[in-house]
Amino acid sequence: MKKTKSLITTAIAYANGAPHIGHAFEFVITDLIARYERKTNDVFFITGMDEHGQKIEQKAKELQVPVQELVDRYAENFMALDKDLAISYDFFVRTSNEEKHHLGAQMLWQKLQEKGDLEKRVYKALYCIGCEEFKNEKDLNEQGECPIHLKKPDVVEEENYFFKLSNYTEEIKAKILSDELKIYPETRKNEILALLGRGLDDISFSRPKSKVSWGISVPGDDSQIMYVWCDALSNYITAIGYGTEAFDTELWNNTTHVIGKDILRFHAAIWPAMLLSAGIPLPKKILVHGHITSGGQKMSKSLGNVIDPVEVINIFKDVAGELAGEVARFILLYKVPTFEDGDLTIESIKEVYVAHLQNGLGNLTNRVMKMVITNNVTTDIKKIIELPELALFDTNKAAIALVSKIGELDKKINDEQAFKVIKNNEEEGKRLIGIYLSDLTAIANVLEIFMPQTSAKIIECIRENKMPEKPLFNRFI
């Protein structure tokens, strides 16, 4: 039976700094969904980098390095983190890649232009360099500052191309209401519907090359650079061949975007309008996750509560070795709610490791395999663990359910004490141990999408009837 093609994407990270814990969380939940869907679908998973814009250009000037060298450096950092976290992407987007990305982005621009949805206008507005976005007065705090960067936007007067976003308000609203464009969770669906209810304003779609030179030239107007919308958002289709004869429409027709709540408007209003204008089908689903706080507060360098995912991985290198990245991956899946904001501290991260990996999965594997080997037990019982939470994209509840299965088996062993039963009733004792072995096998099999390398190590022990060569998860000293 032919598998259905499907595309799943993270948002592409902005190349102006090292990856943060929020990036790691998005990569991990998207990867879990991709691995889950690969069991039934032919999945293509893309992630990558948004590498153009004024902020990146300024950063390169500050560091006195060529812009391409700077974005190359950041791309290497993100790809290294992806490797540590076992992110199984099929393609890594880089918007500075002229051969792969620029042609498709320019073709999309031309489609919007042919539809009559791009118009050149002179206008004066407030521009936040940090956000790389034009702001309205209502977007600012009482001090007239960007609430994110706490700086007053620059007043700029430019001649730019505008996209007639306002033309598509009602059509997008209808598609979201009907779930033709399905948004998870319902609270985010309601949020974007409220925005659409107020009406969408036309948006600036380019910047003068005199102000920003690092980007993709507007087709037919070399004085202008494409703004982030047509450049960065088009990555989802250029990555699968848009702009060439190789564009995989079958793949695009079953697309899921995984994004953070702060870019919902971009993906559920601006992006659908662009696709409608260009005559391209909309994605099927948008999964919107929350943010990570630390100690109940938004992470910031001034508060000293920023959690670096690389540092988290390094915490576990001494106790988990090559599995350290998977430890970080598991903790993010287990500890952070999928659809709401979640809190992490270094202390809570260590607590999860001790409770659920060191004293949980690692200890359970040792207990079962020791009984199996000591008593020469085999089993032909086949069990499958179902996690229906994943059908609803709730990666956190799925991780919690898996941990519950581990706890249930541990409790069963404590309650039944097969290691004592076997002394008086060998047949019954071996029967119980055989059930433990089948339960551990089922756990190891479903664990593959959560912790692939850990799963492989446990399955190897079961298949070869041996103990782990060393504890999977050593104790903290």
Protein backbone atom coordinates (compact mmCIF):
# COMPACT_ATOMS: atom_id res chain seq x y z
CA MET A 1 0.00 0.00 0.00
CA LYS A 2 1.39 3.37 -1.06
CA LYS A 3 2.09 5.74 1.84
CA THR A 4 0.61 9.24 1.86
CA LYS A 5 3.17 11.97 1.35
CA SER A 6 3.27 14.63 4.06
CA LEU A 7 5.44 17.64 4.85
CA ILE A 8 6.22 18.83 8.36
CA THR A 9 8.17 21.98 9.14
CA THR A 10 9.58 23.96 12.02
CA ALA A 11 9.73 27.72 11.70
CA ILE A 12 13.16 28.67 10.39
CA ALA A 13 15.35 30.27 13.05
CA TYR A 14 16.66 33.80 12.59
CA ALA A 15 20.42 33.78 12.08
CA ASN A 16 21.45 36.49 14.53
CA GLY A 17 22.52 34.39 17.50
CA ALA A 18 23.08 30.94 18.95
CA PRO A 19 20.10 28.58 19.40
CA HIS A 20 18.12 29.00 22.62
CA ILE A 21 16.02 26.53 24.59
CA GLY A 22 12.85 27.56 22.72
CA HIS A 23 14.45 26.53 19.44
CA ALA A 24 15.41 23.18 20.96
CA PHE A 25 11.85 22.63 22.18
CA GLU A 26 10.35 23.32 18.76
CA PHE A 27 12.86 21.05 17.02
CA VAL A 28 12.19 18.20 19.45
CA ILE A 29 8.39 18.26 19.33
CA THR A 30 8.43 18.53 15.53
CA ASP A 31 10.84 15.63 15.27
CA LEU A 32 8.69 13.48 17.55
CA ILE A 33 5.66 14.13 15.35
CA ALA A 34 7.68 13.41 12.19
CA ARG A 35 8.96 10.10 13.60
CA TYR A 36 5.44 9.15 14.68
CA GLU A 37 3.94 9.96 11.28
CA ARG A 38 6.68 8.10 9.41
CA LYS A 39 5.11 4.88 10.63
CA THR A 40 2.17 5.47 8.29
CA ASN A 41 3.18 8.32 5.96
CA ASP A 42 6.02 9.19 3.62
CA VAL A 43 7.20 12.21 5.64
CA PHE A 44 9.54 14.99 4.51
CA PHE A 45 10.77 17.10 7.44
CA ILE A 46 12.35 20.52 6.95
CA THR A 47 13.97 22.97 9.33
CA GLY A 48 16.62 25.63 8.85
CA MET A 49 17.65 29.26 8.94
CA ASP A 50 16.25 32.67 7.95
CA GLU A 51 19.50 34.39 6.99
CA HIS A 52 18.59 37.79 5.52
CA GLY A 53 17.71 41.19 6.92
CA GLN A 54 18.92 44.41 8.46
CA LYS A 55 19.64 43.00 11.91
CA ILE A 56 21.96 40.33 10.50
CA GLU A 57 23.68 42.87 8.27
CA GLN A 58 24.28 45.17 11.25
CA LYS A 59 25.57 42.32 13.41
CA ALA A 60 28.12 41.37 10.74
CA LYS A 61 29.33 44.98 10.60
CA GLU A 62 29.68 45.09 14.39
CA LEU A 63 31.73 41.88 14.35
CA GLN A 64 33.63 43.00 11.25
CA VAL A 65 33.02 39.76 9.39
CA PRO A 66 31.40 39.11 5.99
CA VAL A 67 27.66 38.52 6.34
CA GLN A 68 27.84 35.11 4.68
CA GLU A 69 30.55 34.03 7.12
CA LEU A 70 28.35 35.09 10.04
CA VAL A 71 25.28 33.18 8.89
CA ASP A 72 27.45 30.15 8.07
CA ARG A 73 28.67 30.19 11.66
CA TYR A 74 25.16 30.29 13.09
CA ALA A 75 23.93 27.59 10.71
CA GLU A 76 26.71 25.30 11.94
CA ASN A 77 25.61 25.93 15.56
CA PHE A 78 22.01 25.02 14.77
CA MET A 79 22.94 21.91 12.80
CA ALA A 80 25.20 20.77 15.65
CA LEU A 81 22.31 21.15 18.11
CA ASP A 82 20.00 19.26 15.75
CA LYS A 83 22.52 16.40 15.68
CA ASP A 84 22.81 16.30 19.48
CA LEU A 85 19.01 16.24 19.84
CA ALA A 86 18.61 13.48 17.22
CA ILE A 87 16.56 15.72 14.92
CA SER A 88 15.81 13.63 11.82
CA TYR A 89 15.25 16.41 9.30
CA ASP A 90 15.36 15.67 5.57
CA PHE A 91 16.38 19.15 4.43
CA PHE A 92 18.00 22.10 6.17
CA VAL A 93 16.79 25.38 4.68
CA ARG A 94 19.17 28.29 4.26
CA THR A 95 17.61 31.37 2.69
CA SER A 96 21.03 32.63 1.61
CA ASN A 97 21.27 29.61 -0.71
CA GLU A 98 20.75 31.24 -4.11
CA GLU A 99 20.45 28.01 -6.05
CA LYS A 100 17.83 26.42 -3.80
CA HIS A 101 15.85 29.35 -2.43
CA HIS A 102 16.12 32.62 -4.39
CA LEU A 103 14.50 31.47 -7.63
CA GLY A 104 11.40 30.18 -5.88
CA ALA A 105 11.05 33.27 -3.66
CA GLN A 106 11.25 35.50 -6.73
CA MET A 107 8.70 33.37 -8.60
CA LEU A 108 6.29 33.71 -5.67
CA TRP A 109 6.78 37.48 -5.77
CA GLN A 110 5.97 37.49 -9.47
CA LYS A 111 2.77 35.50 -8.86
CA LEU A 112 1.60 38.07 -6.32
CA GLN A 113 2.47 40.84 -8.74
CA GLU A 114 0.59 39.19 -11.60
CA LYS A 115 -2.48 38.96 -9.35
CA GLY A 116 -2.28 42.72 -8.77
CA ASP A 117 -1.62 42.29 -5.04
CA LEU A 118 1.66 44.23 -4.91
CA GLU A 119 1.70 48.02 -5.11
CA LYS A 120 4.52 50.52 -4.66
CA ARG A 121 3.76 53.24 -2.13
CA VAL A 122 5.60 56.02 -0.31
CA TYR A 123 4.91 55.87 3.36
CA LYS A 124 6.12 57.01 6.76
CA ALA A 125 6.09 54.58 9.68
CA LEU A 126 7.72 53.34 12.87
CA TYR A 127 10.27 50.58 12.31
CA CYS A 128 11.75 48.32 15.02
CA ILE A 129 15.10 46.98 13.87
CA GLY A 130 15.03 44.31 16.60
CA CYS A 131 11.75 42.89 15.31
CA GLU A 132 12.54 43.85 11.70
CA GLU A 133 8.93 44.95 11.55
CA PHE A 134 6.93 48.13 11.03
CA LYS A 135 4.88 49.04 14.12
CA ASN A 136 1.66 50.91 14.77
CA GLU A 137 1.27 53.21 17.79
CA LYS A 138 -1.02 50.60 19.38
CA ASP A 139 1.82 48.05 19.26
CA LEU A 140 4.06 50.14 21.56
CA ASN A 141 4.15 50.46 25.35
CA GLU A 142 3.30 53.62 27.30
CA GLN A 143 6.82 54.93 26.74
CA GLY A 144 6.44 54.56 22.97
CA GLU A 145 8.85 51.61 22.94
CA CYS A 146 8.69 48.20 21.33
CA PRO A 147 7.46 46.00 24.22
CA ILE A 148 9.88 43.24 23.23
CA HIS A 149 13.10 45.22 22.77
CA LEU A 150 12.26 48.23 25.00
CA LYS A 151 13.56 50.68 22.43
CA LYS A 152 11.73 53.37 20.53
CA PRO A 153 11.28 52.43 16.86
CA ASP A 154 12.94 54.52 14.20
CA VAL A 155 10.75 56.84 12.15
CA VAL A 156 11.35 55.90 8.53
CA GLU A 157 9.97 57.29 5.31
CA GLU A 158 10.41 54.92 2.39
CA GLU A 159 9.04 53.90 -0.97
CA ASN A 160 8.22 50.20 -0.61
CA TYR A 161 6.06 47.57 -2.23
CA PHE A 162 2.96 46.72 -0.23
CA PHE A 163 1.08 43.44 -0.27
CA LYS A 164 -2.72 43.86 -0.28
CA LEU A 165 -3.26 41.61 2.70
CA SER A 166 -6.60 43.27 3.41
CA ASN A 167 -8.05 41.59 0.30
CA TYR A 168 -7.90 38.16 1.97
CA THR A 169 -9.34 38.67 5.45
CA GLU A 170 -12.70 37.01 4.84
CA GLU A 171 -11.37 34.13 2.75
CA ILE A 172 -8.79 33.19 5.38
CA LYS A 173 -11.39 33.49 8.13
CA ALA A 174 -13.72 31.09 6.29
CA LYS A 175 -10.96 28.52 5.79
CA ILE A 176 -9.99 28.60 9.46
CA LEU A 177 -13.61 28.44 10.66
CA SER A 178 -14.22 25.38 8.48
CA ASP A 179 -10.93 23.76 9.62
CA GLU A 180 -9.77 23.58 6.02
CA LEU A 181 -6.80 25.26 7.68
CA LYS A 182 -6.75 23.48 11.05
CA ILE A 183 -5.09 25.28 13.94
CA TYR A 184 -4.06 23.53 17.15
CA PRO A 185 -4.95 24.26 19.93
CA GLU A 186 -8.44 25.78 19.83
CA THR A 187 -7.29 28.79 21.87
CA ARG A 188 -4.88 29.82 19.09
CA LYS A 189 -7.59 29.30 16.49
CA ASN A 190 -9.81 31.69 18.44
CA GLU A 191 -6.93 34.14 18.78
CA ILE A 192 -6.33 34.40 15.04
CA LEU A 193 -10.07 34.57 14.33
CA ALA A 194 -10.28 37.55 16.68
CA LEU A 195 -7.47 39.23 14.73
CA LEU A 196 -9.21 38.50 11.44
CA GLY A 197 -12.42 39.86 12.90
CA ARG A 198 -10.71 43.25 13.31
CA GLY A 199 -9.57 43.13 9.69
CA LEU A 200 -6.08 42.80 8.20
CA ASP A 201 -4.05 45.80 7.06
CA ASP A 202 -1.87 45.84 3.97
CA ILE A 203 1.79 45.23 4.84
CA SER A 204 5.14 46.49 3.63
CA PHE A 205 6.73 43.82 1.48
CA SER A 206 10.13 45.29 0.58
CA ARG A 207 12.90 47.60 1.81
CA PRO A 208 15.07 49.97 -0.23
CA LYS A 209 18.42 48.46 -1.08
CA SER A 210 19.98 51.70 0.16
CA LYS A 211 18.82 50.71 3.67
CA VAL A 212 19.26 46.93 3.49
CA SER A 213 21.51 45.29 0.95
CA TRP A 214 21.63 41.74 2.38
CA GLY A 215 18.69 39.93 0.84
CA ILE A 216 16.94 38.88 -2.36
CA SER A 217 16.39 41.50 -5.05
CA VAL A 218 12.81 42.27 -6.06
CA PRO A 219 12.20 40.93 -9.59
CA GLY A 220 12.24 43.81 -12.07
CA ASP A 221 13.25 46.42 -9.47
CA ASP A 222 16.86 46.16 -8.38
CA SER A 223 16.45 49.16 -6.04
CA GLN A 224 14.41 47.02 -3.62
CA ILE A 225 15.09 43.99 -1.41
CA MET A 226 12.35 41.53 -0.50
CA TYR A 227 11.14 41.92 3.04
CA VAL A 228 10.94 38.90 5.36
CA TRP A 229 7.44 37.80 4.26
CA CYS A 230 8.19 36.75 0.70
CA ASP A 231 11.74 35.74 1.53
CA ALA A 232 11.53 33.72 4.75
CA LEU A 233 7.97 32.38 4.54
CA SER A 234 8.51 31.06 1.03
CA ASN A 235 11.13 28.63 2.39
CA TYR A 236 8.40 26.07 3.00
CA ILE A 237 7.76 25.71 -0.71
CA THR A 238 11.22 26.49 -2.12
CA ALA A 239 12.60 23.65 0.03
CA ILE A 240 10.50 21.19 -1.97
CA GLY A 241 11.23 22.63 -5.37
CA TYR A 242 8.93 25.63 -5.89
CA GLY A 243 10.27 27.69 -8.77
CA THR A 244 11.36 24.57 -10.64
CA GLU A 245 9.69 21.66 -12.40
CA ALA A 246 10.57 19.55 -9.36
CA PHE A 247 8.01 21.26 -7.06
CA ASP A 248 6.37 18.40 -5.16
CA THR A 249 2.71 19.43 -5.08
CA GLU A 250 1.62 16.09 -3.61
CA LEU A 251 3.91 16.69 -0.65
CA TRP A 252 2.82 20.30 -0.22
CA ASN A 253 -0.87 19.34 -0.24
CA ASN A 254 -0.45 17.61 3.15
CA THR A 255 1.57 20.11 5.17
CA THR A 256 1.86 20.73 8.91
CA HIS A 257 3.66 23.81 10.24
CA VAL A 258 4.96 23.76 13.84
CA ILE A 259 5.47 27.29 15.17
CA GLY A 260 5.66 29.35 18.35
CA LYS A 261 2.71 31.45 19.47
CA ASP A 262 4.56 34.72 18.76
CA ILE A 263 4.50 34.11 15.00
CA LEU A 264 0.90 32.91 14.69
CA ARG A 265 -0.15 36.02 12.73
CA PHE A 266 2.62 35.48 10.21
CA HIS A 267 1.66 31.86 9.54
CA ALA A 268 -2.12 31.96 9.92
CA ALA A 269 -2.83 35.31 8.24
CA ILE A 270 0.02 36.63 6.08
CA TRP A 271 1.27 33.29 4.73
CA PRO A 272 -2.21 31.97 3.78
CA ALA A 273 -2.97 35.27 2.03
CA MET A 274 0.23 34.98 0.00
CA LEU A 275 -0.62 31.41 -0.99
CA LEU A 276 -4.18 32.36 -1.97
CA SER A 277 -2.85 35.22 -4.08
CA ALA A 278 -0.38 32.90 -5.83
CA GLY A 279 -2.96 30.14 -6.39
CA ILE A 280 -1.14 27.66 -4.14
CA PRO A 281 -3.10 25.39 -1.73
CA LEU A 282 -2.94 26.22 1.97
CA PRO A 283 -1.17 24.02 4.53
CA LYS A 284 -3.47 21.54 6.23
CA LYS A 285 -2.46 22.18 9.87
CA ILE A 286 -0.65 24.69 12.05
CA LEU A 287 0.47 23.48 15.47
CA VAL A 288 1.16 26.39 17.82
CA HIS A 289 3.29 25.74 20.90
CA GLY A 290 3.87 27.97 23.91
CA HIS A 291 7.05 29.50 25.28
CA ILE A 292 9.46 28.41 28.00
CA THR A 293 9.89 30.49 31.13
CA SER A 294 12.41 29.96 33.92
CA GLY A 295 11.54 30.31 37.57
CA GLY A 296 8.20 31.79 36.59
CA GLN A 297 9.77 34.63 34.60
CA LYS A 298 10.52 35.27 30.96
CA MET A 299 14.13 34.36 30.25
CA SER A 300 16.49 37.31 29.97
CA LYS A 301 20.22 37.84 30.27
CA SER A 302 19.68 40.62 32.83
CA LEU A 303 17.82 38.22 35.15
CA GLY A 304 20.46 35.55 34.64
CA ASN A 305 17.84 32.86 34.01
CA VAL A 306 18.55 32.06 30.36
CA ILE A 307 18.86 28.31 29.74
CA ASP A 308 21.27 27.34 26.97
CA PRO A 309 20.35 23.98 25.36
CA VAL A 310 24.02 23.19 24.74
CA GLU A 311 24.76 23.72 28.44
CA VAL A 312 21.85 21.43 29.34
CA ILE A 313 23.33 18.70 27.15
CA ASN A 314 26.74 19.23 28.72
CA ILE A 315 25.27 18.75 32.22
CA PHE A 316 24.50 15.14 31.33
CA LYS A 317 27.63 14.17 29.40
CA ASP A 318 29.36 12.73 32.46
CA VAL A 319 26.34 10.66 33.55
CA ALA A 320 24.77 9.74 30.20
CA GLY A 321 27.66 9.96 27.74
CA GLU A 322 26.52 9.76 24.14
CA LEU A 323 22.89 9.78 25.32
CA ALA A 324 23.22 13.30 26.82
CA GLY A 325 21.44 14.92 23.88
CA GLU A 326 18.59 12.43 24.17
CA VAL A 327 18.33 13.21 27.87
CA ALA A 328 17.78 16.89 27.04
CA ARG A 329 15.31 15.88 24.34
CA PHE A 330 13.32 13.71 26.77
CA ILE A 331 13.25 16.40 29.46
CA LEU A 332 11.83 18.97 27.03
CA LEU A 333 9.15 16.54 25.87
CA TYR A 334 8.21 15.46 29.39
CA LYS A 335 8.48 18.75 31.26
CA VAL A 336 7.12 21.39 28.85
CA PRO A 337 3.41 21.47 27.88
CA THR A 338 2.91 21.32 24.12
CA PHE A 339 0.33 24.06 23.77
CA GLU A 340 0.89 26.29 26.80
CA ASP A 341 3.86 28.05 28.36
CA GLY A 342 6.05 25.82 30.50
CA ASP A 343 8.67 26.50 33.15
CA LEU A 344 12.18 25.08 33.33
CA THR A 345 15.03 25.58 35.74
CA ILE A 346 18.34 23.76 35.95
CA GLU A 347 17.09 22.22 39.20
CA SER A 348 13.87 20.89 37.62
CA ILE A 349 15.84 19.56 34.65
CA LYS A 350 18.07 17.52 36.97
CA GLU A 351 15.04 16.32 38.95
CA VAL A 352 13.43 14.88 35.82
CA TYR A 353 16.65 13.05 34.96
CA VAL A 354 16.96 11.46 38.38
CA ALA A 355 13.29 10.53 38.76
CA HIS A 356 12.46 9.26 35.29
CA LEU A 357 15.71 8.23 33.60
CA GLN A 358 18.20 7.33 36.33
CA ASN A 359 15.69 5.80 38.78
CA GLY A 360 13.06 5.16 36.12
CA LEU A 361 13.88 3.82 32.67
CA GLY A 362 17.55 3.02 33.34
CA ASN A 363 16.89 1.19 36.59
CA LEU A 364 13.90 -0.65 35.11
CA THR A 365 15.97 -1.93 32.18
CA ASN A 366 18.61 -3.28 34.57
CA ARG A 367 16.02 -4.94 36.85
CA VAL A 368 14.20 -6.73 34.06
CA MET A 369 17.29 -7.85 32.16
CA LYS A 370 18.96 -9.16 35.33
CA MET A 371 15.90 -11.35 36.08
CA VAL A 372 15.70 -12.49 32.45
CA ILE A 373 19.37 -13.47 32.24
CA THR A 374 19.61 -15.02 35.72
CA ASN A 375 16.58 -17.22 35.11
CA ASN A 376 17.06 -17.86 31.37
CA VAL A 377 13.63 -16.47 30.47
CA THR A 378 12.29 -15.87 26.96
CA THR A 379 8.87 -14.74 25.82
CA ASP A 380 6.77 -14.82 22.69
CA ILE A 381 4.18 -12.37 24.08
CA LYS A 382 3.79 -9.39 21.71
CA LYS A 383 2.55 -6.13 23.19
CA ILE A 384 2.04 -2.73 21.63
CA ILE A 385 1.75 0.53 23.53
CA GLU A 386 -0.60 3.01 21.90
CA LEU A 387 -0.24 6.74 22.58
CA PRO A 388 -3.43 8.33 21.24
CA GLU A 389 -2.20 11.73 22.47
CA LEU A 390 0.11 11.89 19.45
CA ALA A 391 -2.82 11.81 17.03
CA LEU A 392 -3.73 15.18 18.58
CA PHE A 393 -0.09 16.36 18.42
CA ASP A 394 0.11 16.54 22.23
CA THR A 395 3.74 15.51 22.58
CA ASN A 396 3.88 16.39 26.28
CA LYS A 397 0.89 14.24 27.26
CA ALA A 398 2.33 11.40 25.16
CA ALA A 399 5.64 11.63 27.05
CA ILE A 400 3.79 11.68 30.37
CA ALA A 401 1.78 8.61 29.30
CA LEU A 402 4.99 6.77 28.38
CA VAL A 403 6.54 7.58 31.76
CA SER A 404 3.36 6.26 33.36
CA LYS A 405 3.82 2.94 31.51
CA ILE A 406 7.38 2.73 32.86
CA GLY A 407 6.11 3.41 36.37
CA GLU A 408 3.36 0.78 36.03
CA LEU A 409 5.87 -1.90 35.08
CA ASP A 410 8.16 -0.92 37.94
CA LYS A 411 5.22 -1.14 40.37
CA LYS A 412 4.16 -4.51 38.94
CA ILE A 413 7.64 -5.91 39.60
CA ASN A 414 7.60 -4.56 43.17
CA ASP A 415 4.13 -5.92 43.87
CA GLU A 416 4.53 -9.39 42.31
CA GLN A 417 8.15 -10.02 43.38
CA ALA A 418 8.75 -12.66 40.72
CA PHE A 419 12.34 -13.00 41.95
CA LYS A 420 10.86 -14.52 45.15
CA VAL A 421 8.03 -16.42 43.45
CA ILE A 422 10.49 -18.30 41.23
CA LYS A 423 12.19 -19.87 44.26
CA ASN A 424 8.98 -21.75 45.15
CA ASN A 425 7.24 -21.94 41.79
CA GLU A 426 9.67 -21.80 38.89
CA GLU A 427 7.01 -21.97 36.18
CA GLU A 428 4.93 -19.12 37.64
CA GLY A 429 8.03 -17.04 38.32
CA LYS A 430 9.25 -17.42 34.75
CA ARG A 431 5.78 -16.58 33.45
CA LEU A 432 5.81 -13.31 35.38
CA ILE A 433 9.34 -12.44 34.24
CA GLY A 434 8.32 -13.19 30.65
CA ILE A 435 5.53 -10.64 31.00
CA TYR A 436 8.01 -8.07 32.34
CA LEU A 437 10.22 -8.75 29.33
CA SER A 438 7.34 -8.28 26.91
CA ASP A 439 6.36 -5.05 28.68
CA LEU A 440 9.93 -3.74 28.52
CA THR A 441 10.07 -4.63 24.82
CA ALA A 442 6.86 -2.67 24.18
CA ILE A 443 8.27 0.31 26.08
CA ALA A 444 11.55 0.14 24.14
CA ASN A 445 9.68 -0.01 20.82
CA VAL A 446 7.51 3.05 21.50
CA LEU A 447 10.52 4.84 23.02
CA GLU A 448 12.11 4.92 19.55
CA ILE A 449 10.33 8.12 18.56
CA PHE A 450 11.19 9.79 21.89
CA MET A 451 14.78 8.61 22.42
CA PRO A 452 15.92 6.68 19.33
CA GLN A 453 19.44 5.79 20.43
CA THR A 454 18.32 4.81 23.94
CA SER A 455 15.58 2.66 22.42
CA ALA A 456 18.13 0.92 20.19
CA LYS A 457 20.38 0.14 23.16
CA ILE A 458 17.52 -1.44 25.14
CA ILE A 459 16.30 -3.45 22.15
CA GLU A 460 19.85 -4.70 21.59
CA CYS A 461 20.01 -5.94 25.20
CA ILE A 462 16.67 -7.74 24.79
CA ARG A 463 17.59 -9.28 21.44
CA GLU A 464 21.03 -10.44 22.57
CA ASN A 465 19.88 -11.40 26.09
CA LYS A 466 22.44 -9.27 27.88
CA MET A 467 22.74 -6.49 30.43
CA PRO A 468 23.69 -2.98 29.26
CA GLU A 469 27.48 -2.77 29.08
CA LYS A 470 27.25 0.21 31.41
CA PRO A 471 24.27 1.91 33.08
CA LEU A 472 22.25 3.88 30.55
CA PHE A 473 21.86 6.74 32.98
CA ASN A 474 24.48 6.98 35.73
CA ARG A 475 23.87 8.65 39.06
CA PHE A 476 24.80 12.26 39.64
CA ILE A 477 27.84 12.46 41.94
